[in-house]
PDB file of N, CA and C in Angstrom:
ATOM      1  N   MET A   1      29.184 -54.312  13.701  1.00  0.00           N
ATOM      2  CA  MET A   1      28.706 -52.955  13.496  1.00  0.00           C
ATOM      3  C   MET A   1      29.582 -52.304  12.417  1.00  0.00           C
ATOM      4  N   ALA A   2      28.941 -51.615  11.501  1.00  0.00           N
ATOM      5  CA  ALA A   2      29.661 -50.948  10.414  1.00  0.00           C
ATOM      6  C   ALA A   2      30.540 -49.824  10.976  1.00  0.00           C
ATOM      7  N   PRO A   3      31.649 -49.494  10.299  1.00  0.00           N
ATOM      8  CA  PRO A   3      32.532 -48.431  10.786  1.00  0.00           C
ATOM      9  C   PRO A   3      31.810 -47.104  11.024  1.00  0.00           C
ATOM     10  N   SER A   4      30.898 -46.735  10.125  1.00  0.00           N
ATOM     11  CA  SER A   4      30.184 -45.463  10.313  1.00  0.00           C
ATOM     12  C   SER A   4      29.283 -45.519  11.534  1.00  0.00           C
ATOM     13  N   ALA A   5      28.676 -46.671  11.794  1.00  0.00           N
ATOM     14  CA  ALA A   5      27.822 -46.827  12.976  1.00  0.00           C
ATOM     15  C   ALA A   5      28.654 -46.723  14.251  1.00  0.00           C
ATOM     16  N   GLU A   6      29.853 -47.265  14.213  1.00  0.00           N
ATOM     17  CA  GLU A   6      30.736 -47.164  15.380  1.00  0.00           C
ATOM     18  C   GLU A   6      31.099 -45.716  15.667  1.00  0.00           C
ATOM     19  N   ILE A   7      31.355 -44.944  14.615  1.00  0.00           N
ATOM     20  CA  ILE A   7      31.707 -43.526  14.780  1.00  0.00           C
ATOM     21  C   ILE A   7      30.530 -42.755  15.369  1.00  0.00           C
ATOM     22  N   VAL A   8      29.334 -42.975  14.830  1.00  0.00           N
ATOM     23  CA  VAL A   8      28.142 -42.267  15.313  1.00  0.00           C
ATOM     24  C   VAL A   8      27.818 -42.679  16.744  1.00  0.00           C
ATOM     25  N   THR A   9      27.937 -43.952  17.049  1.00  0.00           N
ATOM     26  CA  THR A   9      27.660 -44.424  18.407  1.00  0.00           C
ATOM     27  C   THR A   9      28.628 -43.804  19.407  1.00  0.00           C
ATOM     28  N   ALA A  10      29.899 -43.771  19.049  1.00  0.00           N
ATOM     29  CA  ALA A  10      30.898 -43.160  19.938  1.00  0.00           C
ATOM     30  C   ALA A  10      30.602 -41.677  20.132  1.00  0.00           C
ATOM     31  N   PHE A  11      30.224 -40.977  19.063  1.00  0.00           N
ATOM     32  CA  PHE A  11      29.882 -39.557  19.160  1.00  0.00           C
ATOM     33  C   PHE A  11      28.673 -39.364  20.072  1.00  0.00           C
ATOM     34  N   ALA A  12      27.652 -40.182  19.884  1.00  0.00           N
ATOM     35  CA  ALA A  12      26.441 -40.068  20.701  1.00  0.00           C
ATOM     36  C   ALA A  12      26.750 -40.309  22.168  1.00  0.00           C
ATOM     37  N   GLN A  13      27.551 -41.309  22.446  1.00  0.00           N
ATOM     38  CA  GLN A  13      27.899 -41.591  23.829  1.00  0.00           C
ATOM     39  C   GLN A  13      28.694 -40.453  24.444  1.00  0.00           C
ATOM     40  N   LYS A  14      29.568 -39.854  23.680  1.00  0.00           N
ATOM     41  CA  LYS A  14      30.428 -38.794  24.210  1.00  0.00           C
ATOM     42  C   LYS A  14      29.712 -37.451  24.305  1.00  0.00           C
ATOM     43  N   ARG A  15      28.964 -37.073  23.282  1.00  0.00           N
ATOM     44  CA  ARG A  15      28.367 -35.739  23.220  1.00  0.00           C
ATOM     45  C   ARG A  15      26.902 -35.672  23.635  1.00  0.00           C
ATOM     46  N   LEU A  16      26.108 -36.548  23.083  1.00  0.00           N
ATOM     47  CA  LEU A  16      24.668 -36.460  23.317  1.00  0.00           C
ATOM     48  C   LEU A  16      24.231 -37.091  24.631  1.00  0.00           C
ATOM     49  N   LEU A  17      24.951 -38.084  25.069  1.00  0.00           N
ATOM     50  CA  LEU A  17      24.549 -38.801  26.271  1.00  0.00           C
ATOM     51  C   LEU A  17      25.426 -38.492  27.471  1.00  0.00           C
ATOM     52  N   ALA A  18      26.246 -37.470  27.364  1.00  0.00           N
ATOM     53  CA  ALA A  18      27.104 -37.091  28.481  1.00  0.00           C
ATOM     54  C   ALA A  18      26.242 -36.714  29.673  1.00  0.00           C
ATOM     55  N   GLY A  19      26.518 -37.288  30.798  1.00  0.00           N
ATOM     56  CA  GLY A  19      25.778 -36.980  32.012  1.00  0.00           C
ATOM     57  C   GLY A  19      24.525 -37.809  32.208  1.00  0.00           C
ATOM     58  N   VAL A  20      24.143 -38.590  31.218  1.00  0.00           N
ATOM     59  CA  VAL A  20      22.975 -39.453  31.369  1.00  0.00           C
ATOM     60  C   VAL A  20      23.416 -40.712  32.086  1.00  0.00           C
ATOM     61  N   ARG A  21      22.676 -41.084  33.129  1.00  0.00           N
ATOM     62  CA  ARG A  21      23.041 -42.276  33.889  1.00  0.00           C
ATOM     63  C   ARG A  21      22.337 -43.500  33.323  1.00  0.00           C
ATOM     64  N   PHE A  22      23.056 -44.547  33.240  1.00  0.00           N
ATOM     65  CA  PHE A  22      22.538 -45.811  32.744  1.00  0.00           C
ATOM     66  C   PHE A  22      22.671 -46.839  33.859  1.00  0.00           C
ATOM     67  N   SER A  23      21.763 -47.778  33.876  1.00  0.00           N
ATOM     68  CA  SER A  23      21.841 -48.810  34.900  1.00  0.00           C
ATOM     69  C   SER A  23      23.152 -49.581  34.786  1.00  0.00           C
ATOM     70  N   THR A  24      23.431 -50.132  33.624  1.00  0.00           N
ATOM     71  CA  THR A  24      24.701 -50.841  33.450  1.00  0.00           C
ATOM     72  C   THR A  24      25.281 -50.668  32.064  1.00  0.00           C
ATOM     73  N   ASN A  25      24.451 -50.359  31.083  1.00  0.00           N
ATOM     74  CA  ASN A  25      24.917 -50.392  29.705  1.00  0.00           C
ATOM     75  C   ASN A  25      24.464 -49.165  28.928  1.00  0.00           C
ATOM     76  N   PRO A  26      25.379 -48.271  28.557  1.00  0.00           N
ATOM     77  CA  PRO A  26      24.996 -47.099  27.764  1.00  0.00           C
ATOM     78  C   PRO A  26      24.384 -47.480  26.416  1.00  0.00           C
ATOM     79  N   GLN A  27      24.776 -48.637  25.890  1.00  0.00           N
ATOM     80  CA  GLN A  27      24.250 -49.083  24.607  1.00  0.00           C
ATOM     81  C   GLN A  27      22.742 -49.307  24.677  1.00  0.00           C
ATOM     82  N   SER A  28      22.224 -49.610  25.879  1.00  0.00           N
ATOM     83  CA  SER A  28      20.787 -49.848  26.018  1.00  0.00           C
ATOM     84  C   SER A  28      19.984 -48.596  25.672  1.00  0.00           C
ATOM     85  N   MET A  29      20.496 -47.431  26.026  1.00  0.00           N
ATOM     86  CA  MET A  29      19.806 -46.177  25.708  1.00  0.00           C
ATOM     87  C   MET A  29      19.790 -45.943  24.192  1.00  0.00           C
ATOM     88  N   LEU A  30      20.878 -46.270  23.531  1.00  0.00           N
ATOM     89  CA  LEU A  30      20.976 -46.054  22.097  1.00  0.00           C
ATOM     90  C   LEU A  30      20.142 -47.054  21.298  1.00  0.00           C
ATOM     91  N   SER A  31      19.831 -48.194  21.887  1.00  0.00           N
ATOM     92  CA  SER A  31      19.070 -49.206  21.158  1.00  0.00           C
ATOM     93  C   SER A  31      17.569 -49.104  21.392  1.00  0.00           C
ATOM     94  N   LYS A  32      17.135 -48.202  22.266  1.00  0.00           N
ATOM     95  CA  LYS A  32      15.702 -48.026  22.518  1.00  0.00           C
ATOM     96  C   LYS A  32      15.026 -47.371  21.324  1.00  0.00           C
ATOM     97  N   GLU A  33      13.764 -47.721  21.117  1.00  0.00           N
ATOM     98  CA  GLU A  33      13.004 -47.083  20.044  1.00  0.00           C
ATOM     99  C   GLU A  33      12.773 -45.628  20.422  1.00  0.00           C
ATOM    100  N   PRO A  34      13.091 -44.710  19.541  1.00  0.00           N
ATOM    101  CA  PRO A  34      12.919 -43.291  19.871  1.00  0.00           C
ATOM    102  C   PRO A  34      11.438 -42.909  19.929  1.00  0.00           C
ATOM    103  N   SER A  35      11.150 -41.861  20.667  1.00  0.00           N
ATOM    104  CA  SER A  35       9.785 -41.365  20.710  1.00  0.00           C
ATOM    105  C   SER A  35       9.557 -40.433  19.522  1.00  0.00           C
ATOM    106  N   ILE A  36       8.309 -40.135  19.268  1.00  0.00           N
ATOM    107  CA  ILE A  36       7.953 -39.235  18.167  1.00  0.00           C
ATOM    108  C   ILE A  36       8.592 -37.875  18.434  1.00  0.00           C
ATOM    109  N   PRO A  37       9.145 -37.237  17.420  1.00  0.00           N
ATOM    110  CA  PRO A  37       9.769 -35.922  17.626  1.00  0.00           C
ATOM    111  C   PRO A  37       8.825 -34.952  18.337  1.00  0.00           C
ATOM    112  N   HIS A  38       9.372 -34.222  19.277  1.00  0.00           N
ATOM    113  CA  HIS A  38       8.598 -33.286  20.102  1.00  0.00           C
ATOM    114  C   HIS A  38       7.805 -32.303  19.238  1.00  0.00           C
ATOM    115  N   GLY A  39       6.555 -32.101  19.593  1.00  0.00           N
ATOM    116  CA  GLY A  39       5.718 -31.141  18.887  1.00  0.00           C
ATOM    117  C   GLY A  39       5.048 -31.688  17.644  1.00  0.00           C
ATOM    118  N   HIS A  40       5.180 -32.987  17.402  1.00  0.00           N
ATOM    119  CA  HIS A  40       4.594 -33.603  16.221  1.00  0.00           C
ATOM    120  C   HIS A  40       3.670 -34.744  16.627  1.00  0.00           C
ATOM    121  N   SER A  41       2.806 -35.147  15.718  1.00  0.00           N
ATOM    122  CA  SER A  41       1.910 -36.272  15.992  1.00  0.00           C
ATOM    123  C   SER A  41       2.347 -37.484  15.181  1.00  0.00           C
ATOM    124  N   SER A  42       1.862 -38.644  15.579  1.00  0.00           N
ATOM    125  CA  SER A  42       2.243 -39.876  14.892  1.00  0.00           C
ATOM    126  C   SER A  42       1.742 -39.907  13.454  1.00  0.00           C
ATOM    127  N   GLU A  43       0.697 -39.150  13.141  1.00  0.00           N
ATOM    128  CA  GLU A  43       0.170 -39.115  11.775  1.00  0.00           C
ATOM    129  C   GLU A  43       1.131 -38.436  10.794  1.00  0.00           C
ATOM    130  N   GLU A  44       2.095 -37.691  11.300  1.00  0.00           N
ATOM    131  CA  GLU A  44       3.042 -36.992  10.441  1.00  0.00           C
ATOM    132  C   GLU A  44       4.206 -37.875   9.993  1.00  0.00           C
ATOM    133  N   PHE A  45       4.280 -39.093  10.550  1.00  0.00           N
ATOM    134  CA  PHE A  45       5.425 -39.945  10.292  1.00  0.00           C
ATOM    135  C   PHE A  45       5.014 -41.361   9.921  1.00  0.00           C
ATOM    136  N   VAL A  46       5.908 -42.035   9.218  1.00  0.00           N
ATOM    137  CA  VAL A  46       5.798 -43.460   8.940  1.00  0.00           C
ATOM    138  C   VAL A  46       6.942 -44.097   9.703  1.00  0.00           C
ATOM    139  N   THR A  47       6.676 -45.187  10.384  1.00  0.00           N
ATOM    140  CA  THR A  47       7.768 -45.860  11.078  1.00  0.00           C
ATOM    141  C   THR A  47       8.331 -46.954  10.189  1.00  0.00           C
ATOM    142  N   PHE A  48       9.627 -47.006  10.182  1.00  0.00           N
ATOM    143  CA  PHE A  48      10.347 -48.025   9.434  1.00  0.00           C
ATOM    144  C   PHE A  48      11.377 -48.589  10.385  1.00  0.00           C
ATOM    145  N   ASP A  49      11.102 -49.783  10.907  1.00  0.00           N
ATOM    146  CA  ASP A  49      11.913 -50.381  11.948  1.00  0.00           C
ATOM    147  C   ASP A  49      11.895 -49.441  13.158  1.00  0.00           C
ATOM    148  N   THR A  50      13.007 -48.858  13.540  1.00  0.00           N
ATOM    149  CA  THR A  50      13.015 -47.918  14.665  1.00  0.00           C
ATOM    150  C   THR A  50      13.224 -46.483  14.209  1.00  0.00           C
ATOM    151  N   PHE A  51      12.935 -46.213  12.947  1.00  0.00           N
ATOM    152  CA  PHE A  51      13.128 -44.886  12.388  1.00  0.00           C
ATOM    153  C   PHE A  51      11.778 -44.219  12.134  1.00  0.00           C
ATOM    154  N   TYR A  52      11.714 -42.919  12.356  1.00  0.00           N
ATOM    155  CA  TYR A  52      10.542 -42.132  11.997  1.00  0.00           C
ATOM    156  C   TYR A  52      10.867 -41.373  10.715  1.00  0.00           C
ATOM    157  N   LEU A  53      10.116 -41.649   9.673  1.00  0.00           N
ATOM    158  CA  LEU A  53      10.303 -40.965   8.403  1.00  0.00           C
ATOM    159  C   LEU A  53       9.122 -40.038   8.187  1.00  0.00           C
ATOM    160  N   GLU A  54       9.403 -38.791   7.869  1.00  0.00           N
ATOM    161  CA  GLU A  54       8.338 -37.827   7.656  1.00  0.00           C
ATOM    162  C   GLU A  54       7.500 -38.225   6.440  1.00  0.00           C
ATOM    163  N   ARG A  55       6.186 -38.175   6.607  1.00  0.00           N
ATOM    164  CA  ARG A  55       5.292 -38.530   5.504  1.00  0.00           C
ATOM    165  C   ARG A  55       5.403 -37.495   4.396  1.00  0.00           C
ATOM    166  N   GLY A  56       5.367 -37.966   3.182  1.00  0.00           N
ATOM    167  CA  GLY A  56       5.378 -37.086   2.027  1.00  0.00           C
ATOM    168  C   GLY A  56       3.961 -36.833   1.541  1.00  0.00           C
ATOM    169  N   PRO A  57       3.812 -36.160   0.416  1.00  0.00           N
ATOM    170  CA  PRO A  57       2.489 -35.798  -0.092  1.00  0.00           C
ATOM    171  C   PRO A  57       1.725 -36.966  -0.722  1.00  0.00           C
ATOM    172  N   LEU A  58       2.419 -38.044  -1.069  1.00  0.00           N
ATOM    173  CA  LEU A  58       1.771 -39.180  -1.728  1.00  0.00           C
ATOM    174  C   LEU A  58       1.324 -40.211  -0.702  1.00  0.00           C
ATOM    175  N   PRO A  59       0.279 -40.980  -1.029  1.00  0.00           N
ATOM    176  CA  PRO A  59      -0.164 -42.022  -0.093  1.00  0.00           C
ATOM    177  C   PRO A  59       0.879 -43.140  -0.005  1.00  0.00           C
ATOM    178  N   GLU A  60       0.852 -43.841   1.118  1.00  0.00           N
ATOM    179  CA  GLU A  60       1.771 -44.965   1.307  1.00  0.00           C
ATOM    180  C   GLU A  60       1.452 -46.072   0.326  1.00  0.00           C
ATOM    181  N   SER A  61       2.472 -46.760  -0.109  1.00  0.00           N
ATOM    182  CA  SER A  61       2.257 -47.977  -0.885  1.00  0.00           C
ATOM    183  C   SER A  61       3.120 -49.054  -0.234  1.00  0.00           C
ATOM    184  N   LEU A  62       2.450 -49.999   0.392  1.00  0.00           N
ATOM    185  CA  LEU A  62       3.148 -51.043   1.135  1.00  0.00           C
ATOM    186  C   LEU A  62       3.857 -51.992   0.171  1.00  0.00           C
ATOM    187  N   MET A  63       5.055 -52.361   0.534  1.00  0.00           N
ATOM    188  CA  MET A  63       5.838 -53.294  -0.279  1.00  0.00           C
ATOM    189  C   MET A  63       6.046 -54.547   0.552  1.00  0.00           C
ATOM    190  N   GLU A  64       5.132 -55.479   0.400  1.00  0.00           N
ATOM    191  CA  GLU A  64       5.202 -56.691   1.199  1.00  0.00           C
ATOM    192  C   GLU A  64       6.317 -57.628   0.752  1.00  0.00           C
ATOM    193  N   ASP A  65       6.821 -57.449  -0.456  1.00  0.00           N
ATOM    194  CA  ASP A  65       7.875 -58.328  -0.940  1.00  0.00           C
ATOM    195  C   ASP A  65       9.276 -57.763  -0.691  1.00  0.00           C
ATOM    196  N   TYR A  66       9.364 -56.658   0.046  1.00  0.00           N
ATOM    197  CA  TYR A  66      10.658 -56.051   0.344  1.00  0.00           C
ATOM    198  C   TYR A  66      11.342 -56.853   1.446  1.00  0.00           C
ATOM    199  N   THR A  67      12.595 -57.160   1.248  1.00  0.00           N
ATOM    200  CA  THR A  67      13.344 -57.925   2.232  1.00  0.00           C
ATOM    201  C   THR A  67      14.383 -57.033   2.899  1.00  0.00           C
ATOM    202  N   MET A  68      14.295 -56.940   4.215  1.00  0.00           N
ATOM    203  CA  MET A  68      15.267 -56.175   4.987  1.00  0.00           C
ATOM    204  C   MET A  68      16.428 -57.105   5.302  1.00  0.00           C
ATOM    205  N   THR A  69      17.516 -56.934   4.588  1.00  0.00           N
ATOM    206  CA  THR A  69      18.697 -57.762   4.824  1.00  0.00           C
ATOM    207  C   THR A  69      19.563 -57.122   5.898  1.00  0.00           C
ATOM    208  N   PRO A  70      20.408 -57.892   6.546  1.00  0.00           N
ATOM    209  CA  PRO A  70      21.295 -57.320   7.569  1.00  0.00           C
ATOM    210  C   PRO A  70      22.167 -56.190   7.022  1.00  0.00           C
ATOM    211  N   SER A  71      22.629 -56.297   5.773  1.00  0.00           N
ATOM    212  CA  SER A  71      23.496 -55.243   5.232  1.00  0.00           C
ATOM    213  C   SER A  71      22.715 -53.945   5.007  1.00  0.00           C
ATOM    214  N   ILE A  72      21.462 -54.036   4.587  1.00  0.00           N
ATOM    215  CA  ILE A  72      20.643 -52.840   4.424  1.00  0.00           C
ATOM    216  C   ILE A  72      20.365 -52.224   5.789  1.00  0.00           C
ATOM    217  N   GLU A  73      20.033 -53.047   6.760  1.00  0.00           N
ATOM    218  CA  GLU A  73      19.727 -52.550   8.096  1.00  0.00           C
ATOM    219  C   GLU A  73      20.900 -51.808   8.715  1.00  0.00           C
ATOM    220  N   THR A  74      22.112 -52.313   8.524  1.00  0.00           N
ATOM    221  CA  THR A  74      23.274 -51.643   9.107  1.00  0.00           C
ATOM    222  C   THR A  74      23.569 -50.310   8.419  1.00  0.00           C
ATOM    223  N   LYS A  75      23.115 -50.169   7.170  1.00  0.00           N
ATOM    224  CA  LYS A  75      23.353 -48.910   6.436  1.00  0.00           C
ATOM    225  C   LYS A  75      22.318 -47.858   6.733  1.00  0.00           C
ATOM    226  N   LEU A  76      21.225 -48.232   7.396  1.00  0.00           N
ATOM    227  CA  LEU A  76      20.240 -47.230   7.789  1.00  0.00           C
ATOM    228  C   LEU A  76      20.793 -46.492   8.945  1.00  0.00           C
TER     229      LEU A  76
END
């Protein structure tokens, strides 16, 4: 895990997930796919891996030749 990811994960566990009960592993909650932001519909977002990106004014253009490398994934 990248140093910045470790910092964010520790912050989330301490601040955002305080008081949340986990069966055995707090990391399981952080690795779940998030739900669509409250008050919005799925048409307002594009999913990229486990991220919701707000749709812009231009139509999507799929990039089938894009390669998601481990280093790019850790930087998201």
